[in-house]
Amino acid sequence: MKSEKGITLVSLILYIILLCVVVAILSALSNLFFSNTNYLIDNAKNIAEYNKFAMYFIEDVKNNKDALSISNHQITFADGTMYTYVEGPDYSIYRNKVKICKSIAYCSFLEKEEQVNNVTKKIIQVNMIINSKKMFETNNEFVLKYW
């Protein structure tokens, strides 16, 4: 009797089906991975705009004890530094007439006070929405210098 070694047609079909299943699973995983990296790239652009604003704003908040005037879209500190949110075609935030952020869909400033250990702290609340492919919204509170 002759020994028949090799791949039969049934085993070949099973190998091809198994290979197709493995390729389908790997392509689905790579699709998920690359769609998430695109989301991260877009989100990083939004966070960079907020970081530019926060870099200047934190410095001014820590150097001032008072905010002279606060309206919905503008704040003026005691040293004269002014932040203005401009709507319309610009949609930017200006610090003393210098543009520091762009693509801002909304920005508002609000002042409140909080009592902590017999010390009254003045807090500036900033609500910001950065417009890109996906909206990035942040609400932060900054404590003015109180010592």
C-alpha atoms as a PDB file:
ATOM      1  CA  MET A   1       0.000   0.000   0.000  1.00  0.00           C
ATOM      2  CA  LYS A   2       1.135   3.425  -0.882  1.00  0.00           C
ATOM      3  CA  SER A   3       1.487   6.105   1.857  1.00  0.00           C
ATOM      4  CA  GLU A   4      -0.355   9.284   0.979  1.00  0.00           C
ATOM      5  CA  LYS A   5       1.240  12.225   2.693  1.00  0.00           C
ATOM      6  CA  GLY A   6       0.187  15.746   1.925  1.00  0.00           C
ATOM      7  CA  ILE A   7      -2.689  18.190   2.182  1.00  0.00           C
ATOM      8  CA  THR A   8      -6.126  17.078   1.188  1.00  0.00           C
ATOM      9  CA  LEU A   9      -8.658  19.384  -0.395  1.00  0.00           C
ATOM     10  CA  VAL A  10     -10.756  19.521   2.799  1.00  0.00           C
ATOM     11  CA  SER A  11      -7.796  20.513   4.972  1.00  0.00           C
ATOM     12  CA  LEU A  12      -6.750  23.144   2.397  1.00  0.00           C
ATOM     13  CA  ILE A  13     -10.237  24.704   2.502  1.00  0.00           C
ATOM     14  CA  LEU A  14     -10.152  24.707   6.323  1.00  0.00           C
ATOM     15  CA  TYR A  15      -6.725  26.423   6.318  1.00  0.00           C
ATOM     16  CA  ILE A  16      -7.983  29.100   3.914  1.00  0.00           C
ATOM     17  CA  ILE A  17     -11.120  29.724   6.019  1.00  0.00           C
ATOM     18  CA  LEU A  18      -9.022  29.978   9.204  1.00  0.00           C
ATOM     19  CA  LEU A  19      -6.605  32.367   7.477  1.00  0.00           C
ATOM     20  CA  CYS A  20      -9.527  34.566   6.327  1.00  0.00           C
ATOM     21  CA  VAL A  21     -10.922  34.711   9.893  1.00  0.00           C
ATOM     22  CA  VAL A  22      -7.521  35.714  11.316  1.00  0.00           C
ATOM     23  CA  VAL A  23      -7.058  38.432   8.654  1.00  0.00           C
ATOM     24  CA  ALA A  24     -10.572  39.777   9.329  1.00  0.00           C
ATOM     25  CA  ILE A  25      -9.899  39.999  13.077  1.00  0.00           C
ATOM     26  CA  LEU A  26      -6.550  41.732  12.538  1.00  0.00           C
ATOM     27  CA  SER A  27      -8.049  44.239  10.082  1.00  0.00           C
ATOM     28  CA  ALA A  28     -10.863  45.073  12.529  1.00  0.00           C
ATOM     29  CA  LEU A  29      -8.331  45.664  15.317  1.00  0.00           C
ATOM     30  CA  SER A  30      -6.115  47.839  13.135  1.00  0.00           C
ATOM     31  CA  ASN A  31      -9.159  49.856  12.016  1.00  0.00           C
ATOM     32  CA  LEU A  32     -10.071  50.537  15.652  1.00  0.00           C
ATOM     33  CA  PHE A  33      -6.491  51.486  16.457  1.00  0.00           C
ATOM     34  CA  PHE A  34      -6.121  53.971  13.610  1.00  0.00           C
ATOM     35  CA  SER A  35      -9.524  55.574  14.182  1.00  0.00           C
ATOM     36  CA  ASN A  36      -8.525  56.163  17.828  1.00  0.00           C
ATOM     37  CA  THR A  37      -5.200  57.707  16.829  1.00  0.00           C
ATOM     38  CA  ASN A  38      -7.054  60.175  14.573  1.00  0.00           C
ATOM     39  CA  TYR A  39      -9.234  61.115  17.547  1.00  0.00           C
ATOM     40  CA  LEU A  40      -6.116  61.695  19.669  1.00  0.00           C
ATOM     41  CA  ILE A  41      -4.478  63.857  16.998  1.00  0.00           C
ATOM     42  CA  ASP A  42      -7.587  66.066  16.742  1.00  0.00           C
ATOM     43  CA  ASN A  43      -7.951  66.254  20.527  1.00  0.00           C
ATOM     44  CA  ALA A  44      -4.281  67.250  20.916  1.00  0.00           C
ATOM     45  CA  LYS A  45      -4.869  70.313  18.728  1.00  0.00           C
ATOM     46  CA  ASN A  46      -7.707  71.368  21.031  1.00  0.00           C
ATOM     47  CA  ILE A  47      -5.670  70.866  24.163  1.00  0.00           C
ATOM     48  CA  ALA A  48      -2.783  72.866  22.701  1.00  0.00           C
ATOM     49  CA  GLU A  49      -5.078  75.886  22.276  1.00  0.00           C
ATOM     50  CA  TYR A  50      -6.239  75.588  25.878  1.00  0.00           C
ATOM     51  CA  ASN A  51      -2.653  75.190  27.117  1.00  0.00           C
ATOM     52  CA  LYS A  52      -1.616  78.414  25.392  1.00  0.00           C
ATOM     53  CA  PHE A  53      -4.440  80.238  27.162  1.00  0.00           C
ATOM     54  CA  ALA A  54      -3.740  78.616  30.542  1.00  0.00           C
ATOM     55  CA  MET A  55      -0.025  79.406  30.374  1.00  0.00           C
ATOM     56  CA  TYR A  56      -0.689  83.163  30.251  1.00  0.00           C
ATOM     57  CA  PHE A  57      -3.794  83.164  32.427  1.00  0.00           C
ATOM     58  CA  ILE A  58      -2.231  81.266  35.354  1.00  0.00           C
ATOM     59  CA  GLU A  59       0.696  83.663  35.412  1.00  0.00           C
ATOM     60  CA  ASP A  60      -1.619  86.689  35.553  1.00  0.00           C
ATOM     61  CA  VAL A  61      -3.929  85.115  38.143  1.00  0.00           C
ATOM     62  CA  LYS A  62      -1.005  84.345  40.457  1.00  0.00           C
ATOM     63  CA  ASN A  63       0.376  87.898  40.099  1.00  0.00           C
ATOM     64  CA  ASN A  64      -2.899  89.733  40.878  1.00  0.00           C
ATOM     65  CA  LYS A  65      -5.061  89.957  43.979  1.00  0.00           C
ATOM     66  CA  ASP A  66      -8.059  91.495  42.228  1.00  0.00           C
ATOM     67  CA  ALA A  67      -9.900  91.536  38.974  1.00  0.00           C
ATOM     68  CA  LEU A  68     -11.014  95.117  38.277  1.00  0.00           C
ATOM     69  CA  SER A  69     -13.812  94.234  35.907  1.00  0.00           C
ATOM     70  CA  ILE A  70     -15.363  91.040  34.703  1.00  0.00           C
ATOM     71  CA  SER A  71     -17.965  90.777  31.999  1.00  0.00           C
ATOM     72  CA  ASN A  72     -19.118  87.665  30.218  1.00  0.00           C
ATOM     73  CA  HIS A  73     -16.355  87.733  27.578  1.00  0.00           C
ATOM     74  CA  GLN A  74     -13.745  90.042  29.122  1.00  0.00           C
ATOM     75  CA  ILE A  75     -11.671  90.264  32.293  1.00  0.00           C
ATOM     76  CA  THR A  76      -9.310  93.020  33.426  1.00  0.00           C
ATOM     77  CA  PHE A  77      -6.837  92.407  36.260  1.00  0.00           C
ATOM     78  CA  ALA A  78      -5.527  94.964  38.754  1.00  0.00           C
ATOM     79  CA  ASP A  79      -2.231  95.340  36.870  1.00  0.00           C
ATOM     80  CA  GLY A  80      -4.114  96.254  33.668  1.00  0.00           C
ATOM     81  CA  THR A  81      -3.825  92.930  31.874  1.00  0.00           C
ATOM     82  CA  MET A  82      -6.981  92.298  29.871  1.00  0.00           C
ATOM     83  CA  TYR A  83      -8.294  89.091  28.321  1.00  0.00           C
ATOM     84  CA  THR A  84     -10.984  89.425  25.675  1.00  0.00           C
ATOM     85  CA  TYR A  85     -12.918  86.759  23.828  1.00  0.00           C
ATOM     86  CA  VAL A  86     -13.925  87.955  20.351  1.00  0.00           C
ATOM     87  CA  GLU A  87     -16.809  86.241  18.583  1.00  0.00           C
ATOM     88  CA  GLY A  88     -17.674  86.635  14.954  1.00  0.00           C
ATOM     89  CA  PRO A  89     -15.297  85.758  12.183  1.00  0.00           C
ATOM     90  CA  ASP A  90     -12.288  85.733  14.535  1.00  0.00           C
ATOM     91  CA  TYR A  91     -13.363  83.449  17.433  1.00  0.00           C
ATOM     92  CA  SER A  92     -10.144  84.119  19.344  1.00  0.00           C
ATOM     93  CA  ILE A  93      -8.894  85.128  22.777  1.00  0.00           C
ATOM     94  CA  TYR A  94      -6.734  88.216  23.049  1.00  0.00           C
ATOM     95  CA  ARG A  95      -4.382  89.198  25.863  1.00  0.00           C
ATOM     96  CA  ASN A  96      -3.860  92.956  25.692  1.00  0.00           C
ATOM     97  CA  LYS A  97      -4.631  93.071  21.936  1.00  0.00           C
ATOM     98  CA  VAL A  98      -2.356  90.100  21.167  1.00  0.00           C
ATOM     99  CA  LYS A  99      -4.065  86.955  19.885  1.00  0.00           C
ATOM    100  CA  ILE A 100      -3.121  83.973  22.057  1.00  0.00           C
ATOM    101  CA  CYS A 101      -5.797  81.408  21.060  1.00  0.00           C
ATOM    102  CA  LYS A 102      -7.826  80.675  17.970  1.00  0.00           C
ATOM    103  CA  SER A 103     -10.772  78.395  17.087  1.00  0.00           C
ATOM    104  CA  ILE A 104     -12.555  79.144  20.375  1.00  0.00           C
ATOM    105  CA  ALA A 105     -16.290  78.523  20.000  1.00  0.00           C
ATOM    106  CA  TYR A 106     -17.172  80.013  23.410  1.00  0.00           C
ATOM    107  CA  CYS A 107     -15.401  81.549  26.405  1.00  0.00           C
ATOM    108  CA  SER A 108     -16.785  83.235  29.514  1.00  0.00           C
ATOM    109  CA  PHE A 109     -15.337  84.548  32.769  1.00  0.00           C
ATOM    110  CA  LEU A 110     -17.081  84.547  36.152  1.00  0.00           C
ATOM    111  CA  GLU A 111     -15.853  85.693  39.569  1.00  0.00           C
ATOM    112  CA  LYS A 112     -16.871  84.162  42.875  1.00  0.00           C
ATOM    113  CA  GLU A 113     -15.581  84.108  46.437  1.00  0.00           C
ATOM    114  CA  GLU A 114     -14.975  81.187  48.737  1.00  0.00           C
ATOM    115  CA  GLN A 115     -14.208  81.134  52.462  1.00  0.00           C
ATOM    116  CA  VAL A 116     -11.455  78.665  53.445  1.00  0.00           C
ATOM    117  CA  ASN A 117      -9.974  78.645  56.987  1.00  0.00           C
ATOM    118  CA  ASN A 118     -10.998  82.260  57.692  1.00  0.00           C
ATOM    119  CA  VAL A 119      -9.440  83.374  54.397  1.00  0.00           C
ATOM    120  CA  THR A 120     -11.576  84.731  51.586  1.00  0.00           C
ATOM    121  CA  LYS A 121     -10.310  83.536  48.233  1.00  0.00           C
ATOM    122  CA  LYS A 122     -11.399  85.126  44.973  1.00  0.00           C
ATOM    123  CA  ILE A 123     -11.904  82.580  42.227  1.00  0.00           C
ATOM    124  CA  ILE A 124     -12.110  83.184  38.487  1.00  0.00           C
ATOM    125  CA  GLN A 125     -14.119  80.538  36.680  1.00  0.00           C
ATOM    126  CA  VAL A 126     -13.356  80.108  32.971  1.00  0.00           C
ATOM    127  CA  ASN A 127     -15.743  78.166  30.745  1.00  0.00           C
ATOM    128  CA  MET A 128     -14.314  77.423  27.330  1.00  0.00           C
ATOM    129  CA  ILE A 129     -15.359  75.419  24.273  1.00  0.00           C
ATOM    130  CA  ILE A 130     -12.741  74.884  21.597  1.00  0.00           C
ATOM    131  CA  ASN A 131     -14.088  74.228  18.131  1.00  0.00           C
ATOM    132  CA  SER A 132     -12.503  71.669  15.884  1.00  0.00           C
ATOM    133  CA  LYS A 133     -13.790  68.483  14.288  1.00  0.00           C
ATOM    134  CA  LYS A 134     -14.921  67.511  17.779  1.00  0.00           C
ATOM    135  CA  MET A 135     -15.775  70.026  20.487  1.00  0.00           C
ATOM    136  CA  PHE A 136     -13.493  70.209  23.515  1.00  0.00           C
ATOM    137  CA  GLU A 137     -15.180  71.763  26.558  1.00  0.00           C
ATOM    138  CA  THR A 138     -13.475  72.737  29.805  1.00  0.00           C
ATOM    139  CA  ASN A 139     -14.603  74.513  32.975  1.00  0.00           C
ATOM    140  CA  ASN A 140     -11.746  75.562  35.251  1.00  0.00           C
ATOM    141  CA  GLU A 141     -11.388  77.651  38.376  1.00  0.00           C
ATOM    142  CA  PHE A 142      -8.324  79.811  39.026  1.00  0.00           C
ATOM    143  CA  VAL A 143      -7.629  81.243  42.498  1.00  0.00           C
ATOM    144  CA  LEU A 144      -6.366  84.821  42.617  1.00  0.00           C
ATOM    145  CA  LYS A 145      -3.383  85.628  44.809  1.00  0.00           C
ATOM    146  CA  TYR A 146      -4.673  85.868  48.389  1.00  0.00           C
ATOM    147  CA  TRP A 147      -1.535  86.280  50.554  1.00  0.00           C
END
